[in-house]
Protein backbone atom coordinates (compact mmCIF):
# COMPACT_ATOMS: atom_id res chain seq x y z
CA MET A 1 70.96 0.92 12.44
CA LYS A 2 70.21 -2.07 14.64
CA GLN A 3 73.00 -3.73 16.56
CA LEU A 4 74.83 -6.22 14.34
CA THR A 5 76.10 -9.04 16.54
CA THR A 6 76.25 -12.22 14.46
CA LEU A 7 77.83 -12.95 11.09
CA ASP A 8 74.34 -13.56 9.69
CA ASP A 9 73.33 -10.05 10.89
CA TRP A 10 76.25 -8.55 9.00
CA LEU A 11 75.60 -10.55 5.83
CA ALA A 12 71.92 -9.52 5.84
CA TYR A 13 73.02 -5.88 6.32
CA CYS A 14 75.44 -6.13 3.36
CA GLU A 15 72.67 -7.44 1.10
CA HIS A 16 70.75 -4.15 1.31
CA LEU A 17 73.48 -1.49 1.30
CA HIS A 18 73.64 -1.00 -2.46
CA PRO A 19 70.70 -0.54 -4.86
CA VAL A 20 71.79 -3.43 -7.11
CA GLY A 21 73.35 -6.81 -6.30
CA ILE A 22 76.08 -6.75 -8.95
CA ASP A 23 77.61 -3.40 -9.96
CA MET A 24 80.92 -3.93 -11.74
CA GLY A 25 83.65 -1.34 -11.15
CA LEU A 26 86.57 -0.62 -8.83
CA THR A 27 85.94 3.03 -7.87
CA ARG A 28 83.89 2.50 -4.71
CA ILE A 29 85.80 -0.48 -3.32
CA SER A 30 89.18 1.19 -4.01
CA ALA A 31 88.06 4.33 -2.16
CA VAL A 32 87.10 2.32 0.94
CA ALA A 33 90.30 0.22 0.72
CA LYS A 34 92.31 3.46 0.67
CA ARG A 35 90.53 4.69 3.81
CA MET A 36 91.38 1.34 5.45
CA GLY A 37 95.03 1.45 4.38
CA LEU A 38 94.62 -2.05 2.91
CA ALA A 39 98.00 -3.41 1.77
CA PHE A 40 99.78 -6.75 1.39
CA ASP A 41 103.49 -7.40 1.91
CA CYS A 42 103.53 -10.91 0.43
CA PRO A 43 103.07 -12.30 -3.11
CA ILE A 44 99.50 -12.37 -4.44
CA ILE A 45 98.27 -15.02 -6.90
CA THR A 46 94.96 -14.07 -8.56
CA VAL A 47 92.92 -16.79 -10.29
CA ALA A 48 90.24 -16.05 -12.92
CA GLY A 49 88.40 -18.34 -15.34
CA THR A 50 84.98 -19.73 -16.21
CA ASN A 51 85.61 -23.11 -14.57
CA GLY A 52 88.45 -24.59 -12.53
CA LYS A 53 89.12 -21.55 -10.32
CA GLY A 54 88.24 -23.23 -7.02
CA SER A 55 90.23 -26.38 -7.87
CA THR A 56 93.23 -24.27 -8.93
CA CYS A 57 93.14 -22.29 -5.66
CA ALA A 58 92.85 -25.51 -3.62
CA MET A 59 95.86 -27.13 -5.37
CA LEU A 60 98.00 -23.99 -4.99
CA GLU A 61 97.10 -23.85 -1.30
CA ALA A 62 97.78 -27.57 -0.71
CA ILE A 63 101.23 -27.48 -2.34
CA LEU A 64 102.27 -24.20 -0.69
CA LEU A 65 101.17 -25.53 2.73
CA GLN A 66 103.24 -28.68 2.15
CA ALA A 67 106.19 -26.43 1.28
CA GLY A 68 105.85 -24.83 4.73
CA TYR A 69 104.36 -21.47 3.73
CA ARG A 70 101.75 -19.56 5.71
CA THR A 71 98.93 -19.37 3.17
CA GLY A 72 95.78 -17.28 2.89
CA VAL A 73 93.00 -18.11 0.43
CA PHE A 74 89.85 -16.23 -0.59
CA THR A 75 87.32 -18.09 -2.75
CA SER A 76 83.63 -17.71 -3.59
CA PRO A 77 80.85 -18.64 -3.45
CA HIS A 78 80.56 -20.91 -0.42
CA LEU A 79 78.72 -24.25 -0.32
CA VAL A 80 77.20 -24.22 3.17
CA HIS A 81 78.77 -21.60 5.48
CA PHE A 82 80.04 -18.13 4.53
CA GLU A 83 83.24 -18.73 6.55
CA GLU A 84 84.36 -21.26 3.89
CA ARG A 85 85.30 -18.30 1.68
CA CYS A 86 88.43 -17.56 3.72
CA ARG A 87 91.14 -19.97 4.84
CA VAL A 88 94.29 -19.10 6.79
CA ARG A 89 97.09 -21.68 6.99
CA GLY A 90 94.67 -24.29 5.66
CA ASP A 91 91.90 -23.67 8.20
CA ILE A 92 88.54 -21.99 7.67
CA VAL A 93 88.41 -18.71 9.63
CA SER A 94 86.01 -18.17 12.53
CA ALA A 95 82.89 -16.01 12.49
CA PRO A 96 84.22 -13.70 15.29
CA ASP A 97 87.39 -13.01 13.26
CA LEU A 98 85.28 -12.11 10.24
CA ILE A 99 82.92 -9.91 12.29
CA ALA A 100 85.86 -7.84 13.60
CA ASN A 101 86.87 -7.11 10.00
CA PHE A 102 83.28 -6.36 8.90
CA GLU A 103 83.30 -3.69 11.64
CA LEU A 104 86.53 -2.21 10.24
CA VAL A 105 85.03 -2.00 6.74
CA GLU A 106 81.86 -0.33 8.04
CA ARG A 107 83.92 2.23 9.98
CA ALA A 108 85.94 3.10 6.86
CA ARG A 109 82.88 3.06 4.60
CA THR A 110 81.04 5.64 6.74
CA GLN A 111 84.10 7.73 7.73
CA ASN A 112 83.45 11.47 8.42
CA GLY A 113 79.80 11.02 7.45
CA GLU A 114 80.82 10.52 3.80
CA ASP A 115 79.24 7.13 3.13
CA ILE A 116 80.41 5.03 0.20
CA SER A 117 77.89 2.48 -1.06
CA LEU A 118 79.21 -1.10 -1.47
CA THR A 119 77.65 -4.26 -2.89
CA TYR A 120 77.51 -7.44 -0.79
CA PHE A 121 80.50 -8.87 -2.68
CA GLU A 122 82.56 -5.67 -2.36
CA PHE A 123 81.88 -5.32 1.38
CA THR A 124 82.58 -8.98 2.18
CA THR A 125 85.68 -8.99 -0.07
CA LEU A 126 87.15 -6.00 1.79
CA ALA A 127 86.52 -7.69 5.16
CA ILE A 128 88.23 -10.91 4.05
CA LEU A 129 91.16 -9.09 2.41
CA GLN A 130 91.69 -7.03 5.58
CA LEU A 131 91.70 -10.25 7.64
CA LEU A 132 94.28 -11.80 5.29
CA ALA A 133 96.41 -8.64 5.16
CA SER A 134 96.75 -8.63 8.96
CA ALA A 135 97.45 -12.38 9.31
CA LYS A 136 101.26 -12.32 8.68
CA LEU A 137 101.16 -14.60 5.65
CA ASP A 138 103.80 -15.69 3.13
CA VAL A 139 101.44 -15.91 0.13
CA VAL A 140 97.82 -15.11 -0.67
CA VAL A 141 95.64 -16.82 -3.31
CA LEU A 142 92.59 -14.86 -4.48
CA GLU A 143 89.76 -16.19 -6.62
CA VAL A 144 88.02 -13.67 -8.88
CA GLY A 145 84.27 -13.52 -8.26
CA LEU A 146 83.05 -12.52 -11.72
CA GLY A 147 85.10 -11.76 -14.85
CA GLY A 148 88.35 -10.06 -13.82
CA ARG A 149 88.88 -6.52 -15.08
CA LEU A 150 86.18 -4.93 -12.91
CA ASP A 151 86.02 -7.57 -10.15
CA ALA A 152 86.61 -6.44 -6.56
CA VAL A 153 89.68 -8.71 -6.23
CA ASN A 154 91.36 -6.87 -9.12
CA MET A 155 91.92 -3.70 -7.08
CA LEU A 156 95.05 -5.55 -5.88
CA ASP A 157 97.99 -6.08 -8.25
CA ALA A 158 98.71 -9.77 -8.73
CA ASP A 159 102.32 -10.98 -8.68
CA CYS A 160 101.09 -13.91 -10.77
CA ALA A 161 97.76 -14.19 -12.61
CA VAL A 162 96.18 -17.52 -13.59
CA ILE A 163 93.38 -17.80 -16.16
CA THR A 164 91.99 -21.33 -16.02
CA SER A 165 89.42 -21.61 -18.81
CA ILE A 166 87.37 -19.22 -20.89
CA ASP A 167 83.86 -20.26 -21.80
CA LEU A 168 80.33 -18.89 -22.00
CA ASP A 169 78.84 -17.89 -18.63
CA HIS A 170 77.61 -14.62 -17.03
CA MET A 171 77.27 -13.17 -20.54
CA GLU A 172 74.99 -10.35 -19.38
CA TYR A 173 78.00 -8.89 -17.52
CA LEU A 174 81.01 -10.13 -19.49
CA GLY A 175 79.89 -10.06 -23.13
CA PRO A 176 78.33 -12.36 -25.73
CA ASP A 177 81.29 -14.51 -26.85
CA ARG A 178 84.64 -16.02 -25.78
CA GLU A 179 86.60 -13.04 -27.17
CA SER A 180 84.75 -10.48 -25.03
CA ILE A 181 84.74 -12.77 -21.97
CA GLY A 182 88.48 -13.37 -22.47
CA ARG A 183 89.06 -9.60 -22.57
CA GLU A 184 87.38 -9.22 -19.17
CA LYS A 185 89.38 -12.07 -17.60
CA ALA A 186 92.62 -10.70 -19.10
CA GLY A 187 92.11 -7.59 -16.97
CA ILE A 188 93.87 -9.32 -14.03
CA MET A 189 97.22 -9.28 -15.93
CA ARG A 190 99.96 -6.84 -14.86
CA ALA A 191 102.95 -5.43 -16.73
CA GLY A 192 106.11 -7.51 -16.31
CA LYS A 193 104.31 -10.13 -14.20
CA PRO A 194 103.61 -13.75 -15.23
CA VAL A 195 100.15 -14.74 -16.43
CA ILE A 196 99.41 -18.45 -16.75
CA VAL A 197 96.75 -19.33 -19.33
CA SER A 198 95.67 -22.96 -18.81
CA ASP A 199 92.97 -22.88 -21.49
CA PRO A 200 94.40 -24.95 -24.37
CA VAL A 201 92.76 -22.68 -27.00
CA PRO A 202 92.59 -19.19 -25.49
CA PRO A 203 90.67 -16.41 -27.26
CA GLN A 204 92.93 -14.04 -29.22
CA SER A 205 91.82 -11.21 -26.90
CA VAL A 206 93.74 -12.84 -24.02
CA VAL A 207 96.95 -13.18 -26.05
CA ASP A 208 96.61 -9.62 -27.41
CA HIS A 209 96.03 -8.12 -23.95
CA ALA A 210 99.15 -9.83 -22.56
CA ALA A 211 101.19 -8.22 -25.36
CA ALA A 212 99.49 -4.83 -24.91
CA VAL A 213 100.22 -4.58 -21.16
CA GLY A 214 103.62 -6.32 -21.34
CA ALA A 215 102.69 -9.30 -19.14
CA ASP A 216 104.85 -12.43 -19.23
CA LEU A 217 102.47 -14.85 -20.97
CA TRP A 218 102.75 -18.58 -20.19
CA ARG A 219 100.67 -20.50 -22.72
CA PHE A 220 99.54 -24.09 -22.32
CA GLY A 221 101.15 -26.21 -25.04
CA THR A 222 103.89 -23.62 -25.68
CA ASP A 223 105.42 -22.64 -22.32
CA PHE A 224 104.21 -25.64 -20.34
CA ASN A 225 102.57 -28.98 -21.01
CA PHE A 226 101.66 -32.29 -19.41
CA SER A 227 101.60 -35.90 -20.51
CA GLY A 228 100.22 -38.96 -18.77
CA ASP A 229 99.19 -42.57 -18.87
CA LYS A 230 96.74 -44.52 -16.71
CA GLN A 231 99.08 -44.66 -13.72
CA GLN A 232 100.88 -41.31 -13.56
CA TRP A 233 101.54 -38.00 -15.27
CA GLY A 234 104.37 -35.56 -15.83
CA TRP A 235 104.75 -31.82 -16.38
CA ALA A 236 107.35 -29.69 -18.16
CA GLY A 237 107.69 -25.94 -18.53
CA ARG A 238 110.42 -23.30 -18.80
CA GLY A 239 113.36 -25.15 -17.33
CA ARG A 240 111.43 -27.27 -14.83
CA ARG A 241 110.15 -30.84 -15.05
CA TYR A 242 108.11 -33.10 -12.79
CA ALA A 243 107.95 -36.80 -13.67
CA GLY A 244 106.02 -39.73 -12.22
CA LEU A 245 103.38 -37.64 -10.46
CA ALA A 246 100.35 -39.36 -8.96
CA TYR A 247 97.04 -38.03 -10.24
CA PRO A 248 95.59 -35.15 -8.18
CA ALA A 249 93.24 -36.21 -5.39
CA LEU A 250 90.58 -34.08 -7.13
CA ARG A 251 89.04 -36.46 -9.67
CA GLY A 252 88.23 -35.82 -13.31
CA ALA A 253 90.10 -35.42 -16.59
CA ASN A 254 89.84 -31.60 -16.38
CA GLN A 255 91.90 -31.54 -13.18
CA LEU A 256 95.17 -32.25 -15.03
CA VAL A 257 94.69 -29.02 -16.99
CA ASN A 258 94.11 -27.18 -13.70
CA ALA A 259 97.11 -28.87 -12.04
CA SER A 260 99.28 -27.93 -15.03
CA GLY A 261 98.39 -24.27 -14.59
CA VAL A 262 99.19 -24.56 -10.87
CA LEU A 263 102.67 -25.97 -11.58
CA ALA A 264 103.27 -23.22 -14.14
CA ALA A 265 102.33 -20.55 -11.57
CA LEU A 266 104.64 -22.08 -8.95
CA THR A 267 107.44 -22.32 -11.52
CA ALA A 268 106.93 -18.66 -12.48
CA LEU A 269 107.20 -17.67 -8.79
CA ARG A 270 109.99 -20.11 -7.86
CA GLU A 271 112.51 -17.41 -6.89
CA ARG A 272 110.14 -15.86 -4.34
CA LEU A 273 108.32 -19.04 -3.29
CA PRO A 274 110.52 -22.07 -3.93
CA VAL A 275 108.74 -25.43 -3.59
CA THR A 276 110.26 -28.90 -3.65
CA ALA A 277 109.10 -31.78 -5.85
CA GLN A 278 108.03 -33.53 -2.63
CA ALA A 279 105.76 -30.61 -1.68
CA VAL A 280 104.18 -30.82 -5.15
CA ARG A 281 103.63 -34.57 -4.80
CA ASN A 282 102.21 -34.34 -1.28
CA GLY A 283 100.03 -31.33 -2.03
CA LEU A 284 98.45 -32.84 -5.14
CA SER A 285 97.83 -36.16 -3.40
CA MET A 286 96.14 -34.51 -0.39
CA VAL A 287 94.13 -31.67 -1.94
CA GLU A 288 90.44 -31.62 -1.00
CA LEU A 289 87.56 -29.56 -2.36
CA PRO A 290 83.94 -30.54 -1.80
CA GLY A 291 81.57 -30.58 -4.75
CA ARG A 292 84.13 -31.05 -7.53
CA PHE A 293 83.26 -34.43 -9.01
CA GLN A 294 83.15 -35.62 -5.39
CA ILE A 295 82.34 -39.33 -5.28
CA VAL A 296 80.80 -40.39 -1.96
CA PRO A 297 80.97 -44.16 -1.49
CA GLY A 298 77.72 -45.80 -0.47
CA GLN A 299 74.82 -47.76 -1.85
CA PRO A 300 73.94 -46.14 -4.20
CA THR A 301 77.07 -44.18 -5.11
CA LEU A 302 76.63 -40.41 -4.74
CA VAL A 303 78.36 -37.89 -7.05
CA LEU A 304 78.37 -34.19 -6.07
CA ASP A 305 79.43 -31.59 -8.65
CA VAL A 306 78.87 -27.82 -8.73
CA ALA A 307 78.92 -27.85 -12.59
CA HIS A 308 76.62 -24.97 -13.56
CA ASN A 309 77.36 -24.00 -17.17
CA PRO A 310 77.66 -25.92 -20.47
CA HIS A 311 81.46 -26.19 -20.27
CA SER A 312 81.57 -27.69 -16.75
CA VAL A 313 78.56 -29.94 -17.41
CA ALA A 314 80.39 -31.33 -20.47
CA ALA A 315 83.34 -32.19 -18.18
CA LEU A 316 80.94 -33.78 -15.68
CA ALA A 317 79.37 -35.89 -18.46
CA GLU A 318 82.83 -37.14 -19.52
CA ASN A 319 83.70 -37.99 -15.93
CA LEU A 320 80.38 -39.80 -15.38
CA ASP A 321 80.95 -41.75 -18.58
CA ALA A 322 84.37 -42.86 -17.35
CA MET A 323 82.93 -44.29 -14.10
CA GLY A 324 81.69 -47.46 -15.79
CA PHE A 325 78.29 -49.14 -15.76
CA TYR A 326 75.45 -48.41 -13.33
CA PRO A 327 71.99 -49.98 -13.83
CA CYS A 328 70.29 -46.62 -13.30
CA THR A 329 71.57 -43.05 -12.96
CA HIS A 330 69.41 -40.61 -10.99
CA ALA A 331 70.03 -36.83 -11.25
CA VAL A 332 69.13 -34.17 -8.67
CA PHE A 333 69.28 -30.90 -10.62
CA GLY A 334 68.67 -27.28 -9.62
CA ALA A 335 70.05 -24.24 -11.45
CA MET A 336 69.95 -20.46 -11.80
CA ALA A 337 67.39 -19.09 -14.27
CA ASP A 338 70.02 -17.14 -16.25
CA LYS A 339 72.03 -20.25 -17.21
CA ASP A 340 72.11 -21.67 -20.73
CA LEU A 341 70.13 -24.74 -19.69
CA ALA A 342 69.43 -26.39 -23.06
CA PRO A 343 73.03 -27.50 -23.82
CA MET A 344 73.53 -28.54 -20.17
CA LEU A 345 70.50 -30.84 -20.21
CA ALA A 346 71.28 -32.11 -23.72
CA ARG A 347 74.91 -32.97 -22.91
CA VAL A 348 74.19 -35.04 -19.82
CA GLY A 349 70.73 -36.26 -20.89
CA PRO A 350 71.85 -39.54 -22.50
CA LEU A 351 73.43 -40.60 -19.18
CA ILE A 352 70.43 -39.86 -16.91
CA ASP A 353 67.51 -42.28 -16.43
CA LYS A 354 65.56 -40.43 -13.73
CA TRP A 355 65.50 -36.66 -13.10
CA TYR A 356 64.61 -34.97 -9.79
CA PHE A 357 64.28 -31.22 -10.47
CA THR A 358 64.48 -29.00 -7.42
CA ASP A 359 63.65 -25.45 -6.33
CA LEU A 360 66.56 -23.57 -4.73
CA PRO A 361 66.49 -21.02 -1.88
CA THR A 362 67.40 -17.93 -3.96
CA PRO A 363 65.35 -15.59 -6.17
CA ARG A 364 67.88 -16.14 -9.00
CA ALA A 365 66.99 -19.84 -9.32
CA ALA A 366 64.80 -21.39 -11.98
CA SER A 367 61.81 -23.18 -10.44
CA ALA A 368 61.73 -26.98 -10.51
CA ALA A 369 58.65 -26.72 -12.75
CA ASP A 370 60.53 -24.50 -15.25
CA LEU A 371 63.45 -26.92 -15.31
CA GLN A 372 61.14 -29.86 -15.92
CA ALA A 373 59.36 -27.99 -18.74
CA LYS A 374 62.69 -27.19 -20.45
CA TRP A 375 63.78 -30.81 -20.07
CA THR A 376 60.47 -32.17 -21.41
CA ALA A 377 60.66 -29.92 -24.49
CA ALA A 378 64.08 -31.27 -25.46
CA ASN A 379 64.05 -34.80 -24.03
CA THR A 380 64.96 -37.50 -26.56
CA ARG A 381 64.65 -40.51 -24.23
CA PRO A 382 61.10 -41.89 -23.98
CA ASP A 383 62.18 -44.16 -21.09
CA ALA A 384 63.51 -41.29 -18.90
CA THR A 385 61.29 -39.99 -16.08
CA ALA A 386 61.17 -36.72 -14.12
CA GLY A 387 59.60 -35.15 -11.04
CA THR A 388 59.78 -31.82 -9.14
CA TYR A 389 60.77 -31.17 -5.51
CA LYS A 390 60.85 -28.25 -3.09
CA SER A 391 64.48 -28.68 -1.98
CA PRO A 392 67.67 -30.57 -2.87
CA GLU A 393 67.25 -32.67 0.31
CA ALA A 394 63.71 -33.70 -0.66
CA ALA A 395 64.87 -34.52 -4.19
CA LEU A 396 67.74 -36.64 -2.86
CA GLN A 397 65.41 -38.50 -0.47
CA ALA A 398 63.11 -39.34 -3.38
CA ALA A 399 66.08 -40.53 -5.47
CA VAL A 400 67.35 -42.76 -2.64
CA LYS A 401 63.86 -44.22 -2.23
CA ALA A 402 63.66 -45.06 -5.94
CA ALA A 403 67.24 -46.34 -6.26
CA THR A 404 68.72 -49.79 -5.82
CA PRO A 405 72.08 -50.14 -4.01
CA ALA A 406 73.92 -50.64 -7.34
CA ASP A 407 72.68 -47.34 -8.85
CA ARG A 408 74.28 -43.92 -8.73
CA ILE A 409 72.84 -40.51 -7.92
CA VAL A 410 74.46 -37.35 -9.32
CA VAL A 411 73.70 -33.95 -7.77
CA PHE A 412 74.65 -30.93 -9.91
CA GLY A 413 73.62 -27.60 -11.48
CA SER A 414 74.61 -25.04 -8.84
CA PHE A 415 76.51 -24.39 -5.61
CA TYR A 416 73.07 -24.16 -3.97
CA THR A 417 72.09 -27.65 -5.19
CA VAL A 418 75.23 -29.30 -3.80
CA GLY A 419 75.24 -27.06 -0.70
CA GLY A 420 71.68 -28.17 0.10
CA ILE A 421 72.88 -31.78 0.21
CA LEU A 422 76.01 -31.01 2.28
CA LYS A 423 74.48 -28.73 4.90
CA ASP A 424 74.18 -31.51 7.48
CA GLY A 425 77.49 -33.13 6.48
CA VAL A 426 78.35 -35.61 3.73
CA PRO A 427 75.46 -38.08 3.40
CA ARG A 428 76.27 -41.80 3.32
CA LEU A 429 73.54 -43.46 1.34
CA SER A 430 72.06 -46.88 1.94
CA ALA A 431 69.15 -47.70 -0.33
CA PRO A 432 66.87 -50.54 0.72
CA HIS A 433 67.98 -53.80 -0.89
CA LEU A 434 65.36 -55.28 -3.14
CA ALA A 435 63.63 -58.31 -1.68
CA PRO A 436 64.89 -61.52 -3.28
C-alpha cells in the first residue's frame, strides 16, 4: 500500500476498498467500531428524511451553539470540500484532524491480519464519528446518509430521532413507494426514545413502526404545530410554546416545517439539553447553510439550490414563484442519471425561459445531452431554449453572458451542480448592461 499522506490520498483509497460503492448493512461497520471501542457519552440526535435533513441539522446546531453547548455535527454529502461533513463547535474540522482518525480506522479494520472490507461511506463515517467521540462534546447531531435502518449512522442508538420528510428517492435501495421508504427511515427509532416526524402526512409504516418498537412518537399536527403570518411565526407542542419568532434565516416555505421538527426535538430533550427562548431566536436568525434556496444578490440575481428529486424541486418551484417577477429566468441544471427527471423538469419548466444543461464530474451523472433530450421530449414551451455545457461553471458563464442585470439565474439538480459553482467561493454576478 502506498504511503497515504493527504486527505485526498485517503479518500481515493477508501473508494476502492469494497467491491461495490453502496452496500447496505451494519455488520461490517459495527465490527470495526467494536475493535475501535467507539462510544459516545453525550446525547445523540439522528436525522433521517428524503429532504430537509441538512437544514434540520444546521438549525439544531445553531440553536444548541447559542445555548452554549459544545456541538458536533456530521452531514453528507459535501458541496466543495470533504471537511464540510464534520463540524465541531460550529467550525469545519481540519484535514490533519480527519487524517489522524482515518489512520485509526485503518488500524482497526486490518487488526491481526483479519481485514474487514468497508465502503467509502462506512470508512469515512467511522473516522468522523471517532473524531466526534473524542472531542468532549455536549451533543452530537448525525445526518443519515441513505434511508435509515441499514445506514452506517444507525449503528449508534439515537437519544432522539428526527424524520423530516418521506418522499420518492433512492428507490433502488429503499423500495418502490412511500410506505417502504418510510419503513427504512423508521429504522432509526429506539424503544422509549422520542422520534419527531415532521412530515405532515407520514406513511402508515412510520406510525406502525413507532408503536411496534415502543418509541415516543411526536407527530406534526398532533403533538406539535406551527402557525404564522407574513411577519412572524409561532410554535406549540407538549407543554411548550414559542411566540413571535422571526422566520429562519434559511429561506423557503419548507423551512418552517423543518424548524418545527427542530423545536419538537429540543422540547423532547429539554431535561438533558435545556435551551432558552433567546437561544432559539438567535439560532434560527443566524443559521447558515449553502445551497438551500440560497439567494446571492447581484445583477442578475443568483439562486443556488441542491434540490435533486421531485419533492425538493416542487419546493424550489414554489419558492421561485414567490420571488416575484423577473424578465427572464435562466436555469443551470445537472443531475444524477438515476433521478426521476420527468416530474422535476415538468414542475419547474413553466418558470424557466432558458436552460443550460451541464455534465457533472461523476460517473453517476446524466450527460448534458441526455438531460436536454429528456427536456426536449416533454417541453411544452415553444419559446424556451436550451444548450449543453461541459461543466456547471461553463454553463453559468453562458447564462451570465445571455442575461440582463434584471434577470435571475437558478442553479439546481444536484450537490455537484451547486458545488461546481461554489468551488471558488460565492460568485457575485454582474451582467453587462444593455446599451441604451
